[in-house]
N, C-alpha and C. Protein backbone atom coordinates (compact mmCIF):
# COMPACT_ATOMS: atom_id res chain seq x y z
N MET A 1 -37.41 -56.55 87.56
CA MET A 1 -37.05 -57.69 88.38
C MET A 1 -36.73 -58.86 87.46
N ASN A 2 -35.65 -59.54 87.84
CA ASN A 2 -35.21 -60.70 86.96
C ASN A 2 -35.20 -61.96 87.79
N LEU A 3 -34.76 -63.10 87.11
CA LEU A 3 -34.91 -64.28 87.73
C LEU A 3 -33.99 -64.41 88.95
N GLN A 4 -32.89 -63.80 88.96
CA GLN A 4 -31.87 -63.89 90.14
C GLN A 4 -32.62 -63.42 91.19
N GLU A 5 -33.27 -62.20 91.20
CA GLU A 5 -33.84 -61.61 92.21
C GLU A 5 -35.09 -62.48 92.87
N LEU A 6 -35.72 -63.20 91.97
CA LEU A 6 -36.66 -64.12 92.38
C LEU A 6 -36.20 -65.27 93.21
N ASN A 7 -35.01 -65.71 92.91
CA ASN A 7 -34.34 -66.74 93.54
C ASN A 7 -33.90 -66.28 94.94
N GLU A 8 -33.74 -65.03 95.17
CA GLU A 8 -33.15 -64.46 96.48
C GLU A 8 -34.29 -64.18 97.32
N LEU A 9 -35.50 -64.34 97.01
CA LEU A 9 -36.64 -64.02 97.92
C LEU A 9 -36.54 -64.75 99.29
N ASP A 10 -36.81 -64.08 100.26
CA ASP A 10 -36.71 -64.69 101.65
C ASP A 10 -38.26 -65.15 102.08
N PHE A 11 -38.47 -66.31 102.28
CA PHE A 11 -39.87 -66.85 102.62
C PHE A 11 -40.18 -66.39 104.05
N ASN A 12 -39.06 -66.08 104.83
CA ASN A 12 -39.40 -65.67 106.23
C ASN A 12 -39.72 -64.14 106.36
N ASN A 13 -39.50 -63.40 105.34
CA ASN A 13 -39.81 -62.00 105.25
C ASN A 13 -40.66 -61.71 103.97
N ILE A 14 -41.81 -62.20 103.96
CA ILE A 14 -42.63 -62.03 102.79
C ILE A 14 -43.00 -60.52 102.66
N GLY A 15 -43.19 -59.76 103.74
CA GLY A 15 -43.61 -58.35 103.66
C GLY A 15 -42.53 -57.71 102.93
N GLY A 16 -41.38 -58.02 102.89
CA GLY A 16 -40.33 -57.24 102.24
C GLY A 16 -40.21 -57.65 100.65
N TRP A 17 -40.91 -58.45 100.27
CA TRP A 17 -40.81 -58.77 98.89
C TRP A 17 -41.34 -57.58 97.95
N PRO A 18 -40.93 -57.43 96.78
CA PRO A 18 -41.32 -56.38 95.95
C PRO A 18 -42.84 -56.56 95.66
N THR A 19 -43.46 -55.34 95.37
CA THR A 19 -44.92 -55.20 95.40
C THR A 19 -45.46 -56.09 94.19
N PRO A 20 -44.87 -56.18 92.91
CA PRO A 20 -45.41 -56.97 91.86
C PRO A 20 -45.55 -58.48 92.15
N VAL A 21 -44.36 -58.90 93.09
CA VAL A 21 -44.40 -60.38 93.41
C VAL A 21 -45.56 -60.57 94.33
N LYS A 22 -45.73 -59.67 95.29
CA LYS A 22 -46.81 -59.87 96.37
C LYS A 22 -48.12 -59.77 95.59
N ALA A 23 -48.40 -58.85 94.74
CA ALA A 23 -49.52 -58.73 93.93
C ALA A 23 -49.79 -60.14 93.15
N PHE A 24 -48.89 -60.69 92.51
CA PHE A 24 -48.91 -61.86 91.86
C PHE A 24 -49.33 -63.20 92.74
N ILE A 25 -48.77 -63.19 93.83
CA ILE A 25 -48.99 -64.19 94.95
C ILE A 25 -50.51 -63.99 95.42
N VAL A 26 -50.85 -62.84 95.60
CA VAL A 26 -52.29 -62.58 96.08
C VAL A 26 -53.28 -63.06 94.97
N ILE A 27 -53.01 -62.72 93.77
CA ILE A 27 -53.93 -63.02 92.60
C ILE A 27 -53.89 -64.54 92.44
N LEU A 28 -52.73 -65.14 92.50
CA LEU A 28 -52.66 -66.58 92.56
C LEU A 28 -53.54 -67.32 93.72
N LEU A 29 -53.50 -66.66 94.74
CA LEU A 29 -54.24 -67.31 96.05
C LEU A 29 -55.67 -67.16 95.63
N CYS A 30 -56.05 -65.94 95.11
CA CYS A 30 -57.44 -65.64 94.86
C CYS A 30 -57.97 -66.58 93.82
N VAL A 31 -57.14 -66.86 92.87
CA VAL A 31 -57.67 -67.86 91.75
C VAL A 31 -57.67 -69.24 92.31
N GLY A 32 -56.82 -69.69 93.13
CA GLY A 32 -56.78 -70.96 93.80
C GLY A 32 -58.04 -70.95 94.65
N VAL A 33 -58.36 -69.94 95.43
CA VAL A 33 -59.55 -70.04 96.26
C VAL A 33 -60.89 -70.21 95.48
N ALA A 34 -60.84 -69.45 94.36
CA ALA A 34 -62.15 -69.44 93.42
C ALA A 34 -62.25 -70.84 92.76
N VAL A 35 -61.17 -71.41 92.38
CA VAL A 35 -61.10 -72.69 91.79
C VAL A 35 -61.48 -73.76 92.82
N GLY A 36 -60.85 -73.65 94.00
CA GLY A 36 -61.38 -74.68 94.98
C GLY A 36 -62.92 -74.47 95.36
N TRP A 37 -63.27 -73.18 95.53
CA TRP A 37 -64.77 -72.90 95.82
C TRP A 37 -65.65 -73.53 94.78
N TYR A 38 -65.21 -73.33 93.45
CA TYR A 38 -66.00 -73.78 92.50
C TYR A 38 -66.18 -75.34 92.52
N TYR A 39 -65.02 -76.03 92.70
CA TYR A 39 -65.08 -77.47 92.70
C TYR A 39 -65.65 -78.16 93.90
N TYR A 40 -65.55 -77.53 95.05
CA TYR A 40 -66.06 -78.02 96.25
C TYR A 40 -67.44 -77.62 96.59
N ASN A 41 -67.99 -76.50 95.93
CA ASN A 41 -69.33 -76.01 96.30
C ASN A 41 -70.15 -75.80 95.09
N THR A 42 -69.75 -74.93 94.24
CA THR A 42 -70.47 -74.40 93.15
C THR A 42 -70.78 -75.56 92.01
N GLU A 43 -69.90 -76.35 91.69
CA GLU A 43 -69.99 -77.52 90.68
C GLU A 43 -71.20 -78.34 91.22
N GLU A 44 -71.31 -78.78 92.57
CA GLU A 44 -72.36 -79.62 92.90
C GLU A 44 -73.68 -78.94 92.88
N GLN A 45 -73.61 -77.63 93.27
CA GLN A 45 -74.82 -76.82 93.20
C GLN A 45 -75.35 -76.78 91.81
N LEU A 46 -74.52 -76.55 90.82
CA LEU A 46 -74.87 -76.46 89.46
C LEU A 46 -75.54 -77.79 88.95
N LEU A 47 -74.90 -78.82 89.34
CA LEU A 47 -75.49 -80.21 89.06
C LEU A 47 -76.87 -80.32 89.55
N ASN A 48 -76.99 -80.01 90.94
CA ASN A 48 -78.25 -80.09 91.59
C ASN A 48 -79.26 -79.06 90.76
N LEU A 49 -78.91 -77.90 90.32
CA LEU A 49 -79.82 -77.23 89.60
C LEU A 49 -80.24 -77.76 88.45
N GLU A 50 -79.21 -78.38 87.59
CA GLU A 50 -79.50 -78.91 86.37
C GLU A 50 -80.59 -80.16 86.58
N THR A 51 -80.39 -80.92 87.50
CA THR A 51 -81.28 -81.93 87.95
C THR A 51 -82.63 -81.44 88.28
N ALA A 52 -82.74 -80.33 89.02
CA ALA A 52 -83.89 -79.77 89.42
C ALA A 52 -84.69 -79.24 88.21
N GLU A 53 -83.90 -78.70 87.27
CA GLU A 53 -84.65 -78.05 86.12
C GLU A 53 -85.16 -79.28 85.20
N LYS A 54 -84.46 -80.26 85.16
CA LYS A 54 -85.01 -81.45 84.43
C LYS A 54 -86.25 -81.97 85.05
N LYS A 55 -86.19 -82.09 86.38
CA LYS A 55 -87.40 -82.67 87.19
C LYS A 55 -88.47 -81.55 87.03
N GLU A 56 -88.27 -80.38 86.95
CA GLU A 56 -89.32 -79.44 86.82
C GLU A 56 -90.01 -79.58 85.50
N LEU A 57 -89.19 -79.78 84.40
CA LEU A 57 -89.76 -79.99 83.00
C LEU A 57 -90.58 -81.26 82.98
N SER A 58 -90.10 -82.28 83.57
CA SER A 58 -90.98 -83.52 83.58
C SER A 58 -92.20 -83.25 84.56
N LEU A 59 -92.24 -82.66 85.59
CA LEU A 59 -93.31 -82.41 86.45
C LEU A 59 -94.30 -81.37 85.67
N ARG A 60 -93.75 -80.48 84.96
CA ARG A 60 -94.54 -79.46 84.22
C ARG A 60 -95.30 -80.35 83.12
N ALA A 61 -94.72 -81.08 82.47
CA ALA A 61 -95.32 -82.07 81.33
C ALA A 61 -96.40 -82.87 81.98
N GLU A 62 -96.13 -83.47 83.16
CA GLU A 62 -97.04 -84.29 83.77
C GLU A 62 -98.12 -83.60 84.34
N PHE A 63 -97.97 -82.23 84.67
CA PHE A 63 -98.95 -81.48 85.18
C PHE A 63 -99.98 -80.95 84.00
N GLU A 64 -99.36 -80.69 82.89
CA GLU A 64 -100.13 -80.32 81.67
C GLU A 64 -101.07 -81.46 81.19
N ARG A 65 -100.36 -82.71 81.26
CA ARG A 65 -101.24 -83.84 80.90
C ARG A 65 -102.34 -84.05 81.81
N LYS A 66 -102.15 -83.88 83.12
CA LYS A 66 -103.20 -84.04 84.25
C LYS A 66 -104.28 -83.05 84.11
N GLN A 67 -103.82 -81.73 83.82
CA GLN A 67 -104.68 -80.63 83.58
C GLN A 67 -105.62 -80.89 82.42
N ALA A 68 -105.04 -81.44 81.27
CA ALA A 68 -105.74 -81.74 80.00
C ALA A 68 -106.84 -82.67 80.50
N LYS A 69 -106.62 -83.72 81.29
CA LYS A 69 -107.52 -84.71 81.58
C LYS A 69 -108.59 -84.16 82.59
N ALA A 70 -108.23 -83.27 83.53
CA ALA A 70 -109.02 -82.59 84.51
C ALA A 70 -109.94 -81.67 83.71
N VAL A 71 -109.44 -81.01 82.65
CA VAL A 71 -110.33 -80.12 81.99
C VAL A 71 -111.46 -80.94 81.28
N ASN A 72 -111.10 -82.13 80.88
CA ASN A 72 -112.05 -82.98 80.14
C ASN A 72 -112.74 -83.92 81.01
N LEU A 73 -112.67 -83.82 82.41
CA LEU A 73 -113.13 -84.79 83.22
C LEU A 73 -114.74 -85.08 83.04
N GLU A 74 -115.40 -84.05 82.88
CA GLU A 74 -116.87 -84.07 82.77
C GLU A 74 -117.09 -84.80 81.56
N LYS A 75 -116.48 -84.52 80.46
CA LYS A 75 -116.61 -85.13 79.20
C LYS A 75 -116.28 -86.70 79.43
N TYR A 76 -115.25 -86.93 80.10
CA TYR A 76 -114.92 -88.42 80.28
C TYR A 76 -116.01 -89.11 81.18
N LYS A 77 -116.57 -88.46 82.14
CA LYS A 77 -117.60 -88.96 82.82
C LYS A 77 -118.81 -89.33 82.16
N LYS A 78 -119.19 -88.32 81.22
CA LYS A 78 -120.28 -88.54 80.41
C LYS A 78 -120.02 -89.63 79.47
N GLN A 79 -118.93 -89.66 78.88
CA GLN A 79 -118.62 -90.85 77.91
C GLN A 79 -118.77 -92.15 78.63
N LEU A 80 -118.04 -92.30 79.80
CA LEU A 80 -118.11 -93.49 80.54
C LEU A 80 -119.60 -93.86 80.87
N GLU A 81 -120.44 -92.94 81.29
CA GLU A 81 -121.90 -93.19 81.39
C GLU A 81 -122.57 -93.72 80.17
N GLU A 82 -122.25 -93.16 79.03
CA GLU A 82 -122.88 -93.59 77.79
C GLU A 82 -122.45 -94.97 77.49
N MET A 83 -121.09 -95.26 77.84
CA MET A 83 -120.44 -96.53 77.55
C MET A 83 -121.21 -97.49 78.31
N LYS A 84 -121.37 -97.25 79.68
CA LYS A 84 -122.09 -98.16 80.56
C LYS A 84 -123.45 -98.50 80.09
N GLN A 85 -124.20 -97.44 79.46
CA GLN A 85 -125.57 -97.71 79.08
C GLN A 85 -125.36 -98.53 77.84
N SER A 86 -124.50 -98.23 76.95
CA SER A 86 -124.47 -98.94 75.67
C SER A 86 -124.05 -100.49 75.93
N PHE A 87 -123.16 -100.66 76.92
CA PHE A 87 -122.85 -102.02 77.37
C PHE A 87 -124.00 -102.68 77.87
N GLY A 88 -124.77 -101.99 78.75
CA GLY A 88 -125.96 -102.57 79.31
C GLY A 88 -126.84 -103.04 78.30
N ALA A 89 -127.06 -102.23 77.19
CA ALA A 89 -127.89 -102.46 76.18
C ALA A 89 -127.61 -103.68 75.36
N MET A 90 -126.18 -103.82 75.15
CA MET A 90 -125.65 -104.96 74.49
C MET A 90 -125.84 -106.21 75.23
N LEU A 91 -125.61 -106.11 76.71
CA LEU A 91 -125.79 -107.22 77.47
C LEU A 91 -127.35 -107.82 77.51
N ARG A 92 -128.22 -106.90 77.24
CA ARG A 92 -129.62 -107.28 77.17
C ARG A 92 -129.93 -108.05 75.99
N GLN A 93 -129.02 -107.89 74.98
CA GLN A 93 -129.24 -108.63 73.74
C GLN A 93 -128.72 -110.08 73.84
N LEU A 94 -127.94 -110.36 74.90
CA LEU A 94 -127.45 -111.66 75.03
C LEU A 94 -128.48 -112.36 75.88
N PRO A 95 -128.79 -113.59 75.43
CA PRO A 95 -129.93 -114.42 76.32
C PRO A 95 -129.23 -114.87 77.60
N ASN A 96 -130.04 -114.93 78.43
CA ASN A 96 -129.74 -115.74 79.72
C ASN A 96 -129.98 -117.12 79.55
N LYS A 97 -129.71 -118.00 80.57
CA LYS A 97 -129.78 -119.39 80.34
C LYS A 97 -131.14 -119.95 80.05
N THR A 98 -132.13 -119.16 80.50
CA THR A 98 -133.50 -119.59 80.37
C THR A 98 -134.01 -119.28 79.02
N GLU A 99 -133.40 -118.32 78.34
CA GLU A 99 -133.83 -117.80 76.99
C GLU A 99 -133.32 -118.59 75.85
N VAL A 100 -132.15 -119.31 76.13
CA VAL A 100 -131.42 -120.00 75.16
C VAL A 100 -132.46 -120.91 74.29
N ALA A 101 -133.26 -121.68 74.95
CA ALA A 101 -134.20 -122.62 74.24
C ALA A 101 -135.05 -121.84 73.35
N ASP A 102 -135.58 -120.67 73.80
CA ASP A 102 -136.48 -120.00 72.97
C ASP A 102 -135.64 -119.27 71.71
N LEU A 103 -134.34 -118.94 71.92
CA LEU A 103 -133.64 -118.49 70.94
C LEU A 103 -133.44 -119.59 69.83
N LEU A 104 -133.07 -120.87 70.18
CA LEU A 104 -132.96 -121.86 69.34
C LEU A 104 -134.17 -122.13 68.51
N VAL A 105 -135.34 -121.96 69.15
CA VAL A 105 -136.62 -121.99 68.33
C VAL A 105 -136.76 -120.87 67.41
N ASP A 106 -136.30 -119.68 67.79
CA ASP A 106 -136.33 -118.55 66.92
C ASP A 106 -135.52 -118.78 65.69
N VAL A 107 -134.32 -119.37 65.84
CA VAL A 107 -133.52 -119.57 64.72
C VAL A 107 -134.14 -120.55 63.89
N SER A 108 -134.59 -121.66 64.51
CA SER A 108 -135.28 -122.66 63.55
C SER A 108 -136.37 -122.14 62.84
N GLN A 109 -137.21 -121.43 63.54
CA GLN A 109 -138.61 -120.81 62.90
C GLN A 109 -138.12 -119.89 61.81
N THR A 110 -137.10 -119.10 61.94
CA THR A 110 -136.53 -118.02 60.91
C THR A 110 -136.29 -118.83 59.69
N GLY A 111 -135.71 -119.98 59.86
CA GLY A 111 -135.37 -120.81 58.54
C GLY A 111 -136.53 -121.28 58.00
N LEU A 112 -137.45 -121.85 58.73
CA LEU A 112 -138.65 -122.42 58.21
C LEU A 112 -139.61 -121.41 57.59
N ALA A 113 -139.67 -120.22 58.21
CA ALA A 113 -140.39 -118.93 57.57
C ALA A 113 -139.69 -118.59 56.33
N ALA A 114 -138.49 -118.72 56.13
CA ALA A 114 -137.75 -118.33 54.85
C ALA A 114 -138.08 -119.32 53.85
N GLY A 115 -138.47 -120.48 54.22
CA GLY A 115 -138.83 -121.64 53.14
C GLY A 115 -137.81 -122.51 53.01
N LEU A 116 -136.81 -122.62 54.05
CA LEU A 116 -135.67 -123.57 53.94
C LEU A 116 -136.26 -124.91 54.61
N GLU A 117 -135.45 -125.88 53.98
CA GLU A 117 -135.50 -127.32 54.67
C GLU A 117 -134.20 -127.50 55.57
N PHE A 118 -134.44 -128.05 56.66
CA PHE A 118 -133.24 -128.32 57.65
C PHE A 118 -132.86 -129.77 57.50
N GLU A 119 -131.58 -129.96 57.17
CA GLU A 119 -131.13 -131.33 57.13
C GLU A 119 -130.41 -131.54 58.56
N LEU A 120 -129.81 -130.43 59.02
CA LEU A 120 -129.00 -130.57 60.37
C LEU A 120 -129.30 -129.29 61.07
N PHE A 121 -129.82 -129.43 62.25
CA PHE A 121 -129.94 -128.28 63.20
C PHE A 121 -129.29 -128.82 64.64
N GLY A 122 -128.01 -128.78 64.65
CA GLY A 122 -127.37 -129.32 65.80
C GLY A 122 -126.61 -128.34 66.84
N PRO A 123 -127.39 -128.00 67.89
CA PRO A 123 -126.78 -127.18 68.97
C PRO A 123 -125.56 -127.88 69.54
N GLN A 124 -124.43 -127.23 69.68
CA GLN A 124 -123.23 -127.81 70.26
C GLN A 124 -123.04 -127.31 71.54
N ALA A 125 -121.84 -127.82 72.35
CA ALA A 125 -121.80 -127.51 73.67
C ALA A 125 -121.24 -126.09 73.87
N GLU A 126 -121.60 -125.46 74.85
CA GLU A 126 -121.13 -124.01 75.18
C GLU A 126 -119.65 -123.88 75.09
N VAL A 127 -119.06 -122.79 74.62
CA VAL A 127 -117.66 -122.48 74.75
C VAL A 127 -117.51 -121.34 75.65
N PRO A 128 -117.07 -121.49 76.82
CA PRO A 128 -116.91 -120.34 77.74
C PRO A 128 -115.71 -119.36 77.18
N ARG A 129 -116.15 -118.19 77.40
CA ARG A 129 -115.04 -117.11 77.04
C ARG A 129 -114.94 -116.22 78.31
N GLU A 130 -114.38 -115.08 78.13
CA GLU A 130 -113.96 -114.26 79.17
C GLU A 130 -115.20 -113.88 80.05
N PHE A 131 -116.20 -113.26 79.57
CA PHE A 131 -117.35 -112.90 80.29
C PHE A 131 -118.66 -113.41 79.73
N TYR A 132 -118.47 -114.20 78.68
CA TYR A 132 -119.67 -114.76 78.04
C TYR A 132 -119.32 -116.06 77.60
N ALA A 133 -120.38 -116.85 76.97
CA ALA A 133 -120.24 -118.16 76.48
C ALA A 133 -120.86 -118.25 75.03
N GLU A 134 -120.14 -118.81 74.09
CA GLU A 134 -120.67 -118.98 72.82
C GLU A 134 -121.50 -120.27 72.68
N LEU A 135 -122.52 -120.07 72.07
CA LEU A 135 -123.42 -121.28 71.87
C LEU A 135 -123.50 -121.60 70.36
N PRO A 136 -122.70 -122.52 69.84
CA PRO A 136 -122.73 -122.72 68.39
C PRO A 136 -123.81 -123.78 68.00
N ILE A 137 -124.36 -123.54 66.83
CA ILE A 137 -125.29 -124.34 66.25
C ILE A 137 -124.93 -124.72 64.85
N GLN A 138 -124.79 -125.97 64.61
CA GLN A 138 -124.29 -126.41 63.25
C GLN A 138 -125.59 -126.51 62.33
N LEU A 139 -125.53 -125.80 61.23
CA LEU A 139 -126.66 -125.87 60.34
C LEU A 139 -126.42 -126.40 58.84
N ARG A 140 -127.41 -127.13 58.45
CA ARG A 140 -127.23 -127.47 56.98
C ARG A 140 -128.68 -127.31 56.51
N VAL A 141 -128.80 -126.44 55.49
CA VAL A 141 -130.19 -126.18 55.07
C VAL A 141 -130.25 -126.24 53.50
N PHE A 142 -131.36 -126.48 52.95
CA PHE A 142 -131.63 -126.40 51.51
C PHE A 142 -132.56 -125.36 51.15
N GLY A 143 -132.45 -124.70 50.03
CA GLY A 143 -133.28 -123.71 49.58
C GLY A 143 -132.70 -122.98 48.43
N ASN A 144 -133.51 -121.96 47.85
CA ASN A 144 -133.00 -121.20 46.80
C ASN A 144 -132.22 -120.00 47.26
N TYR A 145 -131.61 -119.28 46.46
CA TYR A 145 -130.75 -118.10 46.74
C TYR A 145 -131.66 -117.21 47.61
N HIS A 146 -132.79 -116.75 47.27
CA HIS A 146 -133.51 -115.76 47.93
C HIS A 146 -134.04 -116.27 49.25
N GLU A 147 -134.28 -117.55 49.45
CA GLU A 147 -134.66 -118.24 50.71
C GLU A 147 -133.40 -118.12 51.73
N LEU A 148 -132.16 -118.43 51.11
CA LEU A 148 -131.10 -118.26 52.05
C LEU A 148 -130.80 -116.84 52.47
N GLY A 149 -131.01 -116.03 51.62
CA GLY A 149 -130.87 -114.47 52.00
C GLY A 149 -131.93 -114.12 52.89
N ALA A 150 -133.02 -114.59 52.75
CA ALA A 150 -134.17 -114.15 53.84
C ALA A 150 -133.82 -114.84 55.04
N PHE A 151 -133.18 -116.01 55.13
CA PHE A 151 -132.95 -116.55 56.35
C PHE A 151 -131.81 -115.75 57.15
N ILE A 152 -130.73 -115.44 56.44
CA ILE A 152 -129.69 -114.71 57.05
C ILE A 152 -130.20 -113.38 57.40
N SER A 153 -131.06 -112.63 56.73
CA SER A 153 -131.65 -111.43 56.97
C SER A 153 -132.46 -111.52 58.22
N GLY A 154 -133.35 -112.64 58.38
CA GLY A 154 -134.07 -112.85 59.47
C GLY A 154 -133.32 -113.07 60.71
N LEU A 155 -132.14 -113.70 60.63
CA LEU A 155 -131.26 -113.93 61.78
C LEU A 155 -130.72 -112.70 62.39
N ALA A 156 -130.38 -111.72 61.38
CA ALA A 156 -129.96 -110.40 61.74
C ALA A 156 -130.94 -109.51 62.40
N ALA A 157 -132.22 -109.82 62.07
CA ALA A 157 -133.46 -108.98 62.53
C ALA A 157 -133.64 -109.53 63.98
N LEU A 158 -133.33 -110.66 64.40
CA LEU A 158 -133.68 -111.22 65.82
C LEU A 158 -133.25 -110.22 66.87
N PRO A 159 -134.05 -110.17 67.98
CA PRO A 159 -133.69 -109.26 69.06
C PRO A 159 -132.37 -109.62 69.77
N ARG A 160 -132.05 -110.82 69.55
CA ARG A 160 -130.69 -111.38 70.15
C ARG A 160 -129.64 -111.33 69.13
N ILE A 161 -128.53 -111.33 69.68
CA ILE A 161 -127.23 -111.41 68.78
C ILE A 161 -126.99 -112.79 68.15
N VAL A 162 -127.05 -112.96 67.03
CA VAL A 162 -126.78 -114.32 66.34
C VAL A 162 -125.76 -113.96 65.24
N THR A 163 -124.58 -114.58 65.28
CA THR A 163 -123.71 -114.46 64.09
C THR A 163 -123.54 -115.75 63.27
N ILE A 164 -123.11 -115.50 62.02
CA ILE A 164 -122.91 -116.71 61.12
C ILE A 164 -121.49 -116.84 60.90
N HIS A 165 -120.97 -118.12 60.95
CA HIS A 165 -119.54 -118.37 60.70
C HIS A 165 -119.45 -119.65 59.75
N ASP A 166 -118.19 -119.71 59.11
CA ASP A 166 -117.93 -120.97 58.28
C ASP A 166 -119.01 -121.13 57.31
N VAL A 167 -119.45 -120.31 56.69
CA VAL A 167 -120.51 -120.40 55.60
C VAL A 167 -119.88 -120.93 54.40
N ALA A 168 -120.71 -121.98 53.83
CA ALA A 168 -120.34 -122.61 52.59
C ALA A 168 -121.62 -123.05 51.87
N VAL A 169 -121.74 -122.42 50.61
CA VAL A 169 -122.89 -122.56 49.78
C VAL A 169 -122.46 -123.48 48.54
N THR A 170 -123.23 -124.52 48.36
CA THR A 170 -122.86 -125.34 47.16
C THR A 170 -124.31 -125.66 46.53
N PRO A 171 -124.24 -125.86 45.15
CA PRO A 171 -125.35 -126.31 44.40
C PRO A 171 -125.71 -127.66 44.67
N ARG A 172 -127.07 -128.02 44.70
CA ARG A 172 -127.49 -129.28 45.01
C ARG A 172 -128.16 -129.95 43.77
N ALA A 173 -129.05 -129.08 43.21
CA ALA A 173 -129.90 -129.49 42.13
C ALA A 173 -130.25 -128.15 41.44
N GLU A 174 -131.17 -128.22 40.42
CA GLU A 174 -131.48 -126.97 39.59
C GLU A 174 -132.02 -125.98 40.48
N GLY A 175 -131.40 -124.88 40.83
CA GLY A 175 -132.01 -123.81 41.58
C GLY A 175 -131.95 -124.07 43.18
N VAL A 176 -131.61 -125.17 43.55
CA VAL A 176 -131.45 -125.49 44.98
C VAL A 176 -130.02 -125.44 45.52
N LEU A 177 -129.83 -124.79 46.65
CA LEU A 177 -128.44 -124.49 47.08
C LEU A 177 -128.45 -125.10 48.44
N VAL A 178 -127.33 -125.60 48.83
CA VAL A 178 -127.12 -126.23 50.25
C VAL A 178 -126.15 -125.10 50.81
N MET A 179 -126.55 -124.79 52.06
CA MET A 179 -125.68 -123.91 53.04
C MET A 179 -125.50 -124.64 54.21
N THR A 180 -124.13 -124.78 54.43
CA THR A 180 -123.47 -125.39 55.75
C THR A 180 -123.01 -124.15 56.47
N ALA A 181 -123.31 -123.95 57.73
CA ALA A 181 -122.76 -122.87 58.53
C ALA A 181 -122.88 -123.17 59.90
N THR A 182 -122.16 -122.43 60.77
CA THR A 182 -122.20 -122.34 62.16
C THR A 182 -122.94 -121.07 62.64
N ALA A 183 -124.05 -121.19 63.30
CA ALA A 183 -124.72 -119.94 63.84
C ALA A 183 -124.20 -119.87 65.28
N LYS A 184 -123.77 -118.73 65.79
CA LYS A 184 -123.39 -118.68 67.10
C LYS A 184 -124.22 -117.62 67.81
N THR A 185 -124.81 -117.86 68.95
CA THR A 185 -125.30 -116.86 69.80
C THR A 185 -124.43 -116.85 71.08
N TYR A 186 -124.66 -115.88 71.90
CA TYR A 186 -123.96 -115.72 73.00
C TYR A 186 -124.74 -115.51 74.17
N ARG A 187 -124.23 -115.86 75.38
CA ARG A 187 -124.80 -115.80 76.71
C ARG A 187 -123.85 -115.23 77.64
N TYR A 188 -124.35 -114.11 78.44
CA TYR A 188 -123.66 -113.50 79.43
C TYR A 188 -123.40 -114.40 80.68
N LEU A 189 -122.25 -114.52 81.08
CA LEU A 189 -121.82 -115.51 82.24
C LEU A 189 -122.05 -114.96 83.56
N GLU A 190 -122.16 -113.59 83.87
CA GLU A 190 -122.15 -112.97 85.13
C GLU A 190 -123.28 -113.60 85.97
N GLU A 191 -124.41 -114.03 85.26
CA GLU A 191 -125.56 -114.43 86.17
C GLU A 191 -125.31 -115.57 86.80
N GLU A 192 -124.32 -116.43 86.34
CA GLU A 192 -124.04 -117.75 87.13
C GLU A 192 -123.22 -117.32 88.26
N ALA A 193 -122.38 -116.30 88.29
CA ALA A 193 -121.65 -115.92 89.53
C ALA A 193 -122.47 -115.37 90.58
N ASN A 194 -123.66 -114.83 90.35
CA ASN A 194 -124.64 -114.22 91.30
C ASN A 194 -125.29 -115.24 91.99
């Protein structure tokens, strides 16, 4: 078949066309239908499948994370209970409002028992924090090195929390040191809310 015969094909009599031309047209129509089917149906389904696969991976990862937490749930509950007990024990180390005066006496007596002389023992105003209040005490004491050490050690041994800040030690006379510091104790604020 040549080009001249293709130009003479009658579109009103397709059945009379040569078999190779009819086969070519049928193949061309099949390819067109397949391409159209792909673009109008299959492509969207493939995109939906890809999206679903990505979502499956993220859900699987989330499931594995949650499963790991669920496996350790009893451990977490036990750890939370231990933390609550520990927190309660720490809160008991913070004085309430009525115990602050006793604590100030304890700090003063600890210094005197160590052999120190107080030049300044000045409780300052409370400094409120998130759930507690700081109670700073300005200190200026005289004594030798071992007496200062015994005082600091005695403060650490008190049943309530007392921290020392802004410590400065300077010599005053032969063997006598001057320590200026801020001792801070803490008070739990929740009692005031009740």
